Amino acid sequence: MPLELEAAGKITHFQLEALIAGIAAFVVNAKIVFPRTRLKLCRDAKDNMVLECCLEADAAILITGDKDLLNLIDIPFGLKVLTPKEYLEHGR
């Protein structure tokens, strides 16, 4: 897909290299988790799996555009749920 973006003129070659480097850095630091705790916090039951993974990984931030996750108020562990824009504007 990134090569298609460059071919379509949507990103420059420099942006393509930065994108690939960013993806590589993300993958190198990725952590596979197997949730041991079941949660029922979200009105969309399918989104609970995301929260279970965040809990197991001890994640501090979840970046999402999912309204069901963004509307959560009382998360019983230290997780901030931010939109990509909020993350970029306010950082960690």
PDB file of N, CA and C in Angstrom:
ATOM      1  N   MET A   1       0.808  -1.197   0.000  1.00  0.00           N
ATOM      2  CA  MET A   1       0.000   0.000   0.000  1.00  0.00           C
ATOM      3  C   MET A   1       0.856   1.268   0.000  1.00  0.00           C
ATOM      4  N   PRO A   2       1.910   1.361   0.826  1.00  0.00           N
ATOM      5  CA  PRO A   2       2.714   2.589   0.783  1.00  0.00           C
ATOM      6  C   PRO A   2       3.280   2.882  -0.600  1.00  0.00           C
ATOM      7  N   LEU A   3       3.703   1.842  -1.332  1.00  0.00           N
ATOM      8  CA  LEU A   3       4.229   2.065  -2.680  1.00  0.00           C
ATOM      9  C   LEU A   3       3.142   2.601  -3.607  1.00  0.00           C
ATOM     10  N   GLU A   4       1.916   2.160  -3.394  1.00  0.00           N
ATOM     11  CA  GLU A   4       0.793   2.655  -4.195  1.00  0.00           C
ATOM     12  C   GLU A   4       0.560   4.139  -3.938  1.00  0.00           C
ATOM     13  N   LEU A   5       0.756   4.574  -2.693  1.00  0.00           N
ATOM     14  CA  LEU A   5       0.596   5.989  -2.366  1.00  0.00           C
ATOM     15  C   LEU A   5       1.615   6.840  -3.117  1.00  0.00           C
ATOM     16  N   GLU A   6       2.852   6.350  -3.180  1.00  0.00           N
ATOM     17  CA  GLU A   6       3.882   7.082  -3.913  1.00  0.00           C
ATOM     18  C   GLU A   6       3.577   7.065  -5.411  1.00  0.00           C
ATOM     19  N   ALA A   7       3.204   5.912  -5.938  1.00  0.00           N
ATOM     20  CA  ALA A   7       2.909   5.788  -7.367  1.00  0.00           C
ATOM     21  C   ALA A   7       1.752   6.696  -7.778  1.00  0.00           C
ATOM     22  N   ALA A   8       0.804   6.891  -6.889  1.00  0.00           N
ATOM     23  CA  ALA A   8      -0.353   7.743  -7.186  1.00  0.00           C
ATOM     24  C   ALA A   8      -0.049   9.218  -6.964  1.00  0.00           C
ATOM     25  N   GLY A   9       1.172   9.525  -6.505  1.00  0.00           N
ATOM     26  CA  GLY A   9       1.549  10.918  -6.277  1.00  0.00           C
ATOM     27  C   GLY A   9       0.975  11.512  -5.003  1.00  0.00           C
ATOM     28  N   LYS A  10       0.512  10.651  -4.093  1.00  0.00           N
ATOM     29  CA  LYS A  10      -0.079  11.140  -2.845  1.00  0.00           C
ATOM     30  C   LYS A  10       0.969  11.433  -1.782  1.00  0.00           C
ATOM     31  N   ILE A  11       2.131  10.788  -1.884  1.00  0.00           N
ATOM     32  CA  ILE A  11       3.242  11.066  -0.988  1.00  0.00           C
ATOM     33  C   ILE A  11       4.532  11.090  -1.795  1.00  0.00           C
ATOM     34  N   THR A  12       5.516  11.793  -1.267  1.00  0.00           N
ATOM     35  CA  THR A  12       6.820  11.849  -1.924  1.00  0.00           C
ATOM     36  C   THR A  12       7.636  10.621  -1.538  1.00  0.00           C
ATOM     37  N   HIS A  13       8.737  10.430  -2.221  1.00  0.00           N
ATOM     38  CA  HIS A  13       9.615   9.308  -1.890  1.00  0.00           C
ATOM     39  C   HIS A  13      10.161   9.468  -0.460  1.00  0.00           C
ATOM     40  N   PHE A  14      10.495  10.690  -0.084  1.00  0.00           N
ATOM     41  CA  PHE A  14      10.981  10.951   1.278  1.00  0.00           C
ATOM     42  C   PHE A  14       9.913  10.567   2.304  1.00  0.00           C
ATOM     43  N   GLN A  15       8.653  10.935   2.032  1.00  0.00           N
ATOM     44  CA  GLN A  15       7.564  10.573   2.948  1.00  0.00           C
ATOM     45  C   GLN A  15       7.380   9.060   2.997  1.00  0.00           C
ATOM     46  N   LEU A  16       7.551   8.395   1.852  1.00  0.00           N
ATOM     47  CA  LEU A  16       7.458   6.939   1.806  1.00  0.00           C
ATOM     48  C   LEU A  16       8.520   6.309   2.696  1.00  0.00           C
ATOM     49  N   GLU A  17       9.753   6.788   2.603  1.00  0.00           N
ATOM     50  CA  GLU A  17      10.830   6.253   3.438  1.00  0.00           C
ATOM     51  C   GLU A  17      10.541   6.490   4.920  1.00  0.00           C
ATOM     52  N   ALA A  18      10.023   7.668   5.252  1.00  0.00           N
ATOM     53  CA  ALA A  18       9.685   7.967   6.649  1.00  0.00           C
ATOM     54  C   ALA A  18       8.563   7.057   7.138  1.00  0.00           C
ATOM     55  N   LEU A  19       7.582   6.810   6.282  1.00  0.00           N
ATOM     56  CA  LEU A  19       6.474   5.928   6.640  1.00  0.00           C
ATOM     57  C   LEU A  19       6.968   4.510   6.900  1.00  0.00           C
ATOM     58  N   ILE A  20       7.813   4.000   6.021  1.00  0.00           N
ATOM     59  CA  ILE A  20       8.354   2.650   6.193  1.00  0.00           C
ATOM     60  C   ILE A  20       9.200   2.565   7.461  1.00  0.00           C
ATOM     61  N   ALA A  21      10.003   3.588   7.726  1.00  0.00           N
ATOM     62  CA  ALA A  21      10.818   3.604   8.946  1.00  0.00           C
ATOM     63  C   ALA A  21       9.923   3.623  10.190  1.00  0.00           C
ATOM     64  N   GLY A  22       8.844   4.394  10.128  1.00  0.00           N
ATOM     65  CA  GLY A  22       7.913   4.450  11.255  1.00  0.00           C
ATOM     66  C   GLY A  22       7.235   3.119  11.500  1.00  0.00           C
ATOM     67  N   ILE A  23       6.819   2.464  10.436  1.00  0.00           N
ATOM     68  CA  ILE A  23       6.188   1.150  10.571  1.00  0.00           C
ATOM     69  C   ILE A  23       7.186   0.147  11.140  1.00  0.00           C
ATOM     70  N   ALA A  24       8.426   0.193  10.656  1.00  0.00           N
ATOM     71  CA  ALA A  24       9.461  -0.724  11.154  1.00  0.00           C
ATOM     72  C   ALA A  24       9.716  -0.502  12.634  1.00  0.00           C
ATOM     73  N   ALA A  25       9.788   0.759  13.067  1.00  0.00           N
ATOM     74  CA  ALA A  25      10.016   1.058  14.486  1.00  0.00           C
ATOM     75  C   ALA A  25       8.859   0.550  15.332  1.00  0.00           C
ATOM     76  N   PHE A  26       7.660   0.673  14.815  1.00  0.00           N
ATOM     77  CA  PHE A  26       6.487   0.195  15.532  1.00  0.00           C
ATOM     78  C   PHE A  26       6.537  -1.322  15.688  1.00  0.00           C
ATOM     79  N   VAL A  27       6.829  -2.014  14.603  1.00  0.00           N
ATOM     80  CA  VAL A  27       6.851  -3.478  14.620  1.00  0.00           C
ATOM     81  C   VAL A  27       7.942  -4.006  15.545  1.00  0.00           C
ATOM     82  N   VAL A  28       9.101  -3.371  15.533  1.00  0.00           N
ATOM     83  CA  VAL A  28      10.210  -3.809  16.390  1.00  0.00           C
ATOM     84  C   VAL A  28       9.819  -3.724  17.862  1.00  0.00           C
ATOM     85  N   ASN A  29       9.019  -2.725  18.206  1.00  0.00           N
ATOM     86  CA  ASN A  29       8.629  -2.523  19.603  1.00  0.00           C
ATOM     87  C   ASN A  29       7.288  -3.156  19.950  1.00  0.00           C
ATOM     88  N   ALA A  30       6.685  -3.861  18.996  1.00  0.00           N
ATOM     89  CA  ALA A  30       5.388  -4.474  19.236  1.00  0.00           C
ATOM     90  C   ALA A  30       5.506  -5.598  20.268  1.00  0.00           C
ATOM     91  N   LYS A  31       4.418  -5.810  20.958  1.00  0.00           N
ATOM     92  CA  LYS A  31       4.388  -6.827  22.004  1.00  0.00           C
ATOM     93  C   LYS A  31       3.119  -7.661  21.803  1.00  0.00           C
ATOM     94  N   ILE A  32       3.254  -8.959  21.761  1.00  0.00           N
ATOM     95  CA  ILE A  32       2.098  -9.836  21.630  1.00  0.00           C
ATOM     96  C   ILE A  32       1.594 -10.153  23.034  1.00  0.00           C
ATOM     97  N   VAL A  33       0.308  -9.965  23.220  1.00  0.00           N
ATOM     98  CA  VAL A  33      -0.278 -10.242  24.535  1.00  0.00           C
ATOM     99  C   VAL A  33      -1.437 -11.227  24.385  1.00  0.00           C
ATOM    100  N   PHE A  34      -1.675 -11.936  25.449  1.00  0.00           N
ATOM    101  CA  PHE A  34      -2.790 -12.864  25.530  1.00  0.00           C
ATOM    102  C   PHE A  34      -3.595 -12.484  26.773  1.00  0.00           C
ATOM    103  N   PRO A  35      -4.686 -11.746  26.587  1.00  0.00           N
ATOM    104  CA  PRO A  35      -5.465 -11.264  27.725  1.00  0.00           C
ATOM    105  C   PRO A  35      -5.932 -12.389  28.641  1.00  0.00           C
ATOM    106  N   ARG A  36      -5.774 -12.153  29.923  1.00  0.00           N
ATOM    107  CA  ARG A  36      -6.214 -13.118  30.930  1.00  0.00           C
ATOM    108  C   ARG A  36      -7.446 -12.633  31.670  1.00  0.00           C
ATOM    109  N   THR A  37      -7.758 -11.336  31.507  1.00  0.00           N
ATOM    110  CA  THR A  37      -8.893 -10.743  32.203  1.00  0.00           C
ATOM    111  C   THR A  37      -9.957 -10.342  31.198  1.00  0.00           C
ATOM    112  N   ARG A  38     -11.190 -10.740  31.446  1.00  0.00           N
ATOM    113  CA  ARG A  38     -12.310 -10.353  30.589  1.00  0.00           C
ATOM    114  C   ARG A  38     -12.916  -9.063  31.134  1.00  0.00           C
ATOM    115  N   LEU A  39     -13.192  -8.135  30.232  1.00  0.00           N
ATOM    116  CA  LEU A  39     -13.789  -6.863  30.612  1.00  0.00           C
ATOM    117  C   LEU A  39     -15.131  -6.687  29.912  1.00  0.00           C
ATOM    118  N   LYS A  40     -16.024  -5.974  30.556  1.00  0.00           N
ATOM    119  CA  LYS A  40     -17.306  -5.593  29.966  1.00  0.00           C
ATOM    120  C   LYS A  40     -17.496  -4.109  30.248  1.00  0.00           C
ATOM    121  N   LEU A  41     -16.753  -3.292  29.513  1.00  0.00           N
ATOM    122  CA  LEU A  41     -16.767  -1.852  29.743  1.00  0.00           C
ATOM    123  C   LEU A  41     -17.404  -1.068  28.611  1.00  0.00           C
ATOM    124  N   CYS A  42     -17.368  -1.616  27.425  1.00  0.00           N
ATOM    125  CA  CYS A  42     -17.755  -0.877  26.235  1.00  0.00           C
ATOM    126  C   CYS A  42     -19.143  -1.291  25.761  1.00  0.00           C
ATOM    127  N   ARG A  43     -19.893  -0.338  25.232  1.00  0.00           N
ATOM    128  CA  ARG A  43     -21.238  -0.670  24.733  1.00  0.00           C
ATOM    129  C   ARG A  43     -21.168  -1.583  23.510  1.00  0.00           C
ATOM    130  N   ASP A  44     -20.052  -1.520  22.766  1.00  0.00           N
ATOM    131  CA  ASP A  44     -19.818  -2.458  21.669  1.00  0.00           C
ATOM    132  C   ASP A  44     -18.962  -3.586  22.227  1.00  0.00           C
ATOM    133  N   ALA A  45     -19.568  -4.722  22.448  1.00  0.00           N
ATOM    134  CA  ALA A  45     -18.887  -5.844  23.108  1.00  0.00           C
ATOM    135  C   ALA A  45     -17.596  -6.253  22.399  1.00  0.00           C
ATOM    136  N   LYS A  46     -17.533  -6.073  21.076  1.00  0.00           N
ATOM    137  CA  LYS A  46     -16.331  -6.441  20.330  1.00  0.00           C
ATOM    138  C   LYS A  46     -15.134  -5.571  20.717  1.00  0.00           C
ATOM    139  N   ASP A  47     -15.389  -4.360  21.186  1.00  0.00           N
ATOM    140  CA  ASP A  47     -14.304  -3.455  21.569  1.00  0.00           C
ATOM    141  C   ASP A  47     -13.676  -3.822  22.915  1.00  0.00           C
ATOM    142  N   ASN A  48     -14.358  -4.640  23.690  1.00  0.00           N
ATOM    143  CA  ASN A  48     -13.794  -5.062  24.975  1.00  0.00           C
ATOM    144  C   ASN A  48     -12.472  -5.803  24.787  1.00  0.00           C
ATOM    145  N   MET A  49     -12.336  -6.535  23.675  1.00  0.00           N
ATOM    146  CA  MET A  49     -11.094  -7.252  23.401  1.00  0.00           C
ATOM    147  C   MET A  49      -9.916  -6.273  23.300  1.00  0.00           C
ATOM    148  N   VAL A  50     -10.137  -5.126  22.690  1.00  0.00           N
ATOM    149  CA  VAL A  50      -9.082  -4.110  22.575  1.00  0.00           C
ATOM    150  C   VAL A  50      -8.677  -3.641  23.971  1.00  0.00           C
ATOM    151  N   LEU A  51      -9.657  -3.389  24.813  1.00  0.00           N
ATOM    152  CA  LEU A  51      -9.376  -2.949  26.186  1.00  0.00           C
ATOM    153  C   LEU A  51      -8.668  -4.045  26.984  1.00  0.00           C
ATOM    154  N   GLU A  52      -9.059  -5.295  26.772  1.00  0.00           N
ATOM    155  CA  GLU A  52      -8.394  -6.417  27.453  1.00  0.00           C
ATOM    156  C   GLU A  52      -6.924  -6.489  27.052  1.00  0.00           C
ATOM    157  N   CYS A  53      -6.640  -6.264  25.784  1.00  0.00           N
ATOM    158  CA  CYS A  53      -5.241  -6.264  25.311  1.00  0.00           C
ATOM    159  C   CYS A  53      -4.470  -5.095  25.914  1.00  0.00           C
ATOM    160  N   CYS A  54      -5.103  -3.933  25.978  1.00  0.00           N
ATOM    161  CA  CYS A  54      -4.454  -2.767  26.592  1.00  0.00           C
ATOM    162  C   CYS A  54      -4.131  -3.035  28.058  1.00  0.00           C
ATOM    163  N   LEU A  55      -5.059  -3.647  28.764  1.00  0.00           N
ATOM    164  CA  LEU A  55      -4.839  -3.984  30.171  1.00  0.00           C
ATOM    165  C   LEU A  55      -3.677  -4.955  30.318  1.00  0.00           C
ATOM    166  N   GLU A  56      -3.679  -5.999  29.520  1.00  0.00           N
ATOM    167  CA  GLU A  56      -2.621  -7.015  29.606  1.00  0.00           C
ATOM    168  C   GLU A  56      -1.252  -6.437  29.248  1.00  0.00           C
ATOM    169  N   ALA A  57      -1.227  -5.523  28.280  1.00  0.00           N
ATOM    170  CA  ALA A  57       0.035  -4.922  27.840  1.00  0.00           C
ATOM    171  C   ALA A  57       0.465  -3.773  28.736  1.00  0.00           C
ATOM    172  N   ASP A  58      -0.366  -3.404  29.689  1.00  0.00           N
ATOM    173  CA  ASP A  58      -0.107  -2.257  30.556  1.00  0.00           C
ATOM    174  C   ASP A  58       0.089  -0.994  29.717  1.00  0.00           C
ATOM    175  N   ALA A  59      -0.760  -0.840  28.702  1.00  0.00           N
ATOM    176  CA  ALA A  59      -0.698   0.307  27.802  1.00  0.00           C
ATOM    177  C   ALA A  59      -1.137   1.572  28.528  1.00  0.00           C
ATOM    178  N   ALA A  60      -0.482   2.663  28.209  1.00  0.00           N
ATOM    179  CA  ALA A  60      -0.836   3.951  28.791  1.00  0.00           C
ATOM    180  C   ALA A  60      -1.796   4.725  27.896  1.00  0.00           C
ATOM    181  N   ILE A  61      -1.688   4.510  26.572  1.00  0.00           N
ATOM    182  CA  ILE A  61      -2.485   5.266  25.614  1.00  0.00           C
ATOM    183  C   ILE A  61      -3.047   4.319  24.553  1.00  0.00           C
ATOM    184  N   LEU A  62      -4.304   4.536  24.203  1.00  0.00           N
ATOM    185  CA  LEU A  62      -4.937   3.861  23.079  1.00  0.00           C
ATOM    186  C   LEU A  62      -5.330   4.951  22.088  1.00  0.00           C
ATOM    187  N   ILE A  63      -4.800   4.875  20.881  1.00  0.00           N
ATOM    188  CA  ILE A  63      -5.112   5.848  19.845  1.00  0.00           C
ATOM    189  C   ILE A  63      -6.120   5.211  18.904  1.00  0.00           C
ATOM    190  N   THR A  64      -7.291   5.840  18.780  1.00  0.00           N
ATOM    191  CA  THR A  64      -8.382   5.253  18.011  1.00  0.00           C
ATOM    192  C   THR A  64      -9.327   6.324  17.494  1.00  0.00           C
ATOM    193  N   GLY A  65     -10.083   5.949  16.502  1.00  0.00           N
ATOM    194  CA  GLY A  65     -11.164   6.801  16.018  1.00  0.00           C
ATOM    195  C   GLY A  65     -12.515   6.201  16.366  1.00  0.00           C
ATOM    196  N   ASP A  66     -12.513   5.079  17.079  1.00  0.00           N
ATOM    197  CA  ASP A  66     -13.734   4.365  17.441  1.00  0.00           C
ATOM    198  C   ASP A  66     -14.498   5.144  18.509  1.00  0.00           C
ATOM    199  N   LYS A  67     -15.695   5.580  18.157  1.00  0.00           N
ATOM    200  CA  LYS A  67     -16.490   6.412  19.072  1.00  0.00           C
ATOM    201  C   LYS A  67     -16.865   5.676  20.361  1.00  0.00           C
ATOM    202  N   ASP A  68     -17.109   4.369  20.263  1.00  0.00           N
ATOM    203  CA  ASP A  68     -17.467   3.612  21.460  1.00  0.00           C
ATOM    204  C   ASP A  68     -16.321   3.631  22.473  1.00  0.00           C
ATOM    205  N   LEU A  69     -15.096   3.510  21.988  1.00  0.00           N
ATOM    206  CA  LEU A  69     -13.942   3.550  22.890  1.00  0.00           C
ATOM    207  C   LEU A  69     -13.658   4.973  23.368  1.00  0.00           C
ATOM    208  N   LEU A  70     -13.819   5.944  22.469  1.00  0.00           N
ATOM    209  CA  LEU A  70     -13.562   7.338  22.845  1.00  0.00           C
ATOM    210  C   LEU A  70     -14.566   7.852  23.873  1.00  0.00           C
ATOM    211  N   ASN A  71     -15.759   7.294  23.902  1.00  0.00           N
ATOM    212  CA  ASN A  71     -16.796   7.751  24.832  1.00  0.00           C
ATOM    213  C   ASN A  71     -16.708   7.119  26.217  1.00  0.00           C
ATOM    214  N   LEU A  72     -15.767   6.205  26.410  1.00  0.00           N
ATOM    215  CA  LEU A  72     -15.621   5.582  27.731  1.00  0.00           C
ATOM    216  C   LEU A  72     -15.201   6.626  28.757  1.00  0.00           C
ATOM    217  N   ILE A  73     -15.799   6.574  29.913  1.00  0.00           N
ATOM    218  CA  ILE A  73     -15.492   7.552  30.962  1.00  0.00           C
ATOM    219  C   ILE A  73     -14.691   6.929  32.087  1.00  0.00           C
ATOM    220  N   ASP A  74     -15.169   5.842  32.650  1.00  0.00           N
ATOM    221  CA  ASP A  74     -14.522   5.230  33.810  1.00  0.00           C
ATOM    222  C   ASP A  74     -13.795   3.951  33.423  1.00  0.00           C
ATOM    223  N   ILE A  75     -12.554   4.097  33.007  1.00  0.00           N
ATOM    224  CA  ILE A  75     -11.741   2.918  32.703  1.00  0.00           C
ATOM    225  C   ILE A  75     -10.999   2.567  33.992  1.00  0.00           C
ATOM    226  N   PRO A  76     -11.190   1.356  34.508  1.00  0.00           N
ATOM    227  CA  PRO A  76     -10.641   1.017  35.834  1.00  0.00           C
ATOM    228  C   PRO A  76      -9.140   0.717  35.858  1.00  0.00           C
ATOM    229  N   PHE A  77      -8.411   1.140  34.840  1.00  0.00           N
ATOM    230  CA  PHE A  77      -6.953   1.032  34.851  1.00  0.00           C
ATOM    231  C   PHE A  77      -6.411   2.237  34.102  1.00  0.00           C
ATOM    232  N   GLY A  78      -5.129   2.528  34.258  1.00  0.00           N
ATOM    233  CA  GLY A  78      -4.536   3.761  33.753  1.00  0.00           C
ATOM    234  C   GLY A  78      -4.387   3.835  32.250  1.00  0.00           C
ATOM    235  N   LEU A  79      -5.473   4.009  31.520  1.00  0.00           N
ATOM    236  CA  LEU A  79      -5.437   4.068  30.068  1.00  0.00           C
ATOM    237  C   LEU A  79      -6.099   5.357  29.599  1.00  0.00           C
ATOM    238  N   LYS A  80      -5.385   6.118  28.761  1.00  0.00           N
ATOM    239  CA  LYS A  80      -5.966   7.288  28.110  1.00  0.00           C
ATOM    240  C   LYS A  80      -6.382   6.863  26.712  1.00  0.00           C
ATOM    241  N   VAL A  81      -7.592   7.223  26.310  1.00  0.00           N
ATOM    242  CA  VAL A  81      -8.081   6.921  24.972  1.00  0.00           C
ATOM    243  C   VAL A  81      -8.125   8.238  24.203  1.00  0.00           C
ATOM    244  N   LEU A  82      -7.327   8.324  23.137  1.00  0.00           N
ATOM    245  CA  LEU A  82      -7.201   9.562  22.381  1.00  0.00           C
ATOM    246  C   LEU A  82      -7.449   9.325  20.901  1.00  0.00           C
ATOM    247  N   THR A  83      -7.917  10.378  20.222  1.00  0.00           N
ATOM    248  CA  THR A  83      -7.981  10.334  18.767  1.00  0.00           C
ATOM    249  C   THR A  83      -6.560  10.564  18.245  1.00  0.00           C
ATOM    250  N   PRO A  84      -6.296  10.197  16.998  1.00  0.00           N
ATOM    251  CA  PRO A  84      -4.963  10.491  16.444  1.00  0.00           C
ATOM    252  C   PRO A  84      -4.630  11.978  16.524  1.00  0.00           C
ATOM    253  N   LYS A  85      -5.604  12.837  16.261  1.00  0.00           N
ATOM    254  CA  LYS A  85      -5.382  14.289  16.328  1.00  0.00           C
ATOM    255  C   LYS A  85      -5.007  14.720  17.742  1.00  0.00           C
ATOM    256  N   GLU A  86      -5.747  14.228  18.742  1.00  0.00           N
ATOM    257  CA  GLU A  86      -5.434  14.563  20.136  1.00  0.00           C
ATOM    258  C   GLU A  86      -4.025  14.118  20.499  1.00  0.00           C
ATOM    259  N   TYR A  87      -3.644  12.936  20.041  1.00  0.00           N
ATOM    260  CA  TYR A  87      -2.320  12.424  20.344  1.00  0.00           C
ATOM    261  C   TYR A  87      -1.246  13.320  19.728  1.00  0.00           C
ATOM    262  N   LEU A  88      -1.442  13.712  18.498  1.00  0.00           N
ATOM    263  CA  LEU A  88      -0.463  14.553  17.818  1.00  0.00           C
ATOM    264  C   LEU A  88      -0.403  15.957  18.415  1.00  0.00           C
ATOM    265  N   GLU A  89      -1.539  16.476  18.865  1.00  0.00           N
ATOM    266  CA  GLU A  89      -1.582  17.822  19.435  1.00  0.00           C
ATOM    267  C   GLU A  89      -1.034  17.874  20.855  1.00  0.00           C
ATOM    268  N   HIS A  90      -1.333  16.858  21.653  1.00  0.00           N
ATOM    269  CA  HIS A  90      -0.999  16.898  23.073  1.00  0.00           C
ATOM    270  C   HIS A  90       0.087  15.916  23.468  1.00  0.00           C
ATOM    271  N   GLY A  91       0.388  14.991  22.577  1.00  0.00           N
ATOM    272  CA  GLY A  91       1.438  14.019  22.865  1.00  0.00           C
ATOM    273  C   GLY A  91       1.099  13.114  24.021  1.00  0.00           C
ATOM    274  N   ARG A  92       2.109  12.654  24.666  1.00  0.00           N
ATOM    275  CA  ARG A  92       1.935  11.686  25.749  1.00  0.00           C
ATOM    276  C   ARG A  92       1.644  12.406  27.007  1.00  0.00           C
TER     277      ARG A  92
END
